[in-house]
Amino acid sequence: MNQDSTDVSHLTCLLWGVAVGALAMFLLDPEKGNRRRALARDKMYSAMIRTGKRVDAKSRDLANRAKGLRAEVRHVLP
């Protein structure tokens, strides 16, 4: 491993550490931390619900397309 890649990996680790520290400071703030955590929790819950609905819609769409394809094949083949 050369010196440039080592410097980049050290810089990457440093930046990740700074980001995690800033996030911890942001969420653990004694004055507004409770509100921020509740807001983050609500947004995560909402994203999970939306994702579940999208997955359900896509799976129903694919099932319907498969049924249609099966019907077309049955029509073409005796």
Protein backbone atom coordinates (compact mmCIF):
# COMPACT_ATOMS: atom_id res chain seq x y z
CA MET A 1 0.00 0.00 0.00
CA ASN A 2 1.44 3.38 -0.90
CA GLN A 3 1.48 6.55 1.18
CA ASP A 4 -1.30 8.29 -0.78
CA SER A 5 -3.88 5.56 -0.17
CA THR A 6 -2.94 5.43 3.52
CA ASP A 7 -3.44 9.18 3.83
CA VAL A 8 -6.81 8.92 2.10
CA SER A 9 -7.94 6.10 4.38
CA HIS A 10 -6.88 8.07 7.47
CA LEU A 11 -8.71 11.13 6.18
CA THR A 12 -11.81 9.03 5.47
CA CYS A 13 -11.76 7.64 9.01
CA LEU A 14 -11.33 11.13 10.42
CA LEU A 15 -14.27 12.47 8.40
CA TRP A 16 -16.49 9.55 9.47
CA GLY A 17 -15.54 10.20 13.09
CA VAL A 18 -16.38 13.88 12.78
CA ALA A 19 -19.73 13.05 11.14
CA VAL A 20 -20.68 10.52 13.83
CA GLY A 21 -19.65 12.96 16.56
CA ALA A 22 -21.70 15.76 15.02
CA LEU A 23 -24.72 13.47 14.72
CA ALA A 24 -24.37 12.36 18.34
CA MET A 25 -24.07 15.97 19.49
CA PHE A 26 -27.11 16.93 17.40
CA LEU A 27 -29.31 14.11 18.75
CA LEU A 28 -28.10 14.16 22.36
CA ASP A 29 -28.55 17.89 22.82
CA PRO A 30 -30.22 18.35 26.23
CA GLU A 31 -32.45 21.21 25.06
CA LYS A 32 -33.80 20.02 21.70
CA GLY A 33 -32.57 16.43 21.52
CA ASN A 34 -35.93 14.89 22.51
CA ARG A 35 -37.72 16.75 19.73
CA ARG A 36 -35.08 15.86 17.16
CA ARG A 37 -35.13 12.18 18.12
CA ALA A 38 -38.94 12.10 17.95
CA LEU A 39 -38.88 13.78 14.55
CA ALA A 40 -36.26 11.34 13.25
CA ARG A 41 -38.26 8.39 14.62
CA ASP A 42 -41.45 9.67 12.97
CA LYS A 43 -39.69 10.15 9.64
CA MET A 44 -38.19 6.66 9.78
CA TYR A 45 -41.60 5.15 10.58
CA SER A 46 -43.19 7.07 7.71
CA ALA A 47 -40.46 5.93 5.31
CA MET A 48 -40.98 2.30 6.39
CA ILE A 49 -44.73 2.56 5.78
CA ARG A 50 -44.24 4.17 2.35
CA THR A 51 -41.66 1.53 1.39
CA GLY A 52 -43.98 -1.27 2.47
CA LYS A 53 -46.81 0.16 0.39
CA ARG A 54 -44.55 0.50 -2.65
CA VAL A 55 -43.27 -3.07 -2.30
CA ASP A 56 -46.85 -4.32 -1.97
CA ALA A 57 -47.95 -2.40 -5.08
CA LYS A 58 -44.97 -3.63 -7.11
CA SER A 59 -45.50 -7.23 -6.05
CA ARG A 60 -49.20 -7.08 -6.99
CA ASP A 61 -48.24 -5.51 -10.34
CA LEU A 62 -45.73 -8.28 -11.06
CA ALA A 63 -48.24 -10.96 -10.06
CA ASN A 64 -50.84 -9.47 -12.38
CA ARG A 65 -48.33 -9.25 -15.24
CA ALA A 66 -47.40 -12.91 -14.70
CA LYS A 67 -51.08 -13.89 -14.82
CA GLY A 68 -51.50 -11.93 -18.03
CA LEU A 69 -48.45 -13.53 -19.60
CA ARG A 70 -49.68 -16.98 -18.58
CA ALA A 71 -53.06 -16.24 -20.18
CA GLU A 72 -51.38 -15.07 -23.39
CA VAL A 73 -49.24 -18.23 -23.55
CA ARG A 74 -52.29 -20.42 -23.00
CA HIS A 75 -54.08 -18.58 -25.79
CA VAL A 76 -51.18 -19.04 -28.24
CA LEU A 77 -50.39 -22.65 -27.34
CA PRO A 78 -53.23 -25.17 -27.66
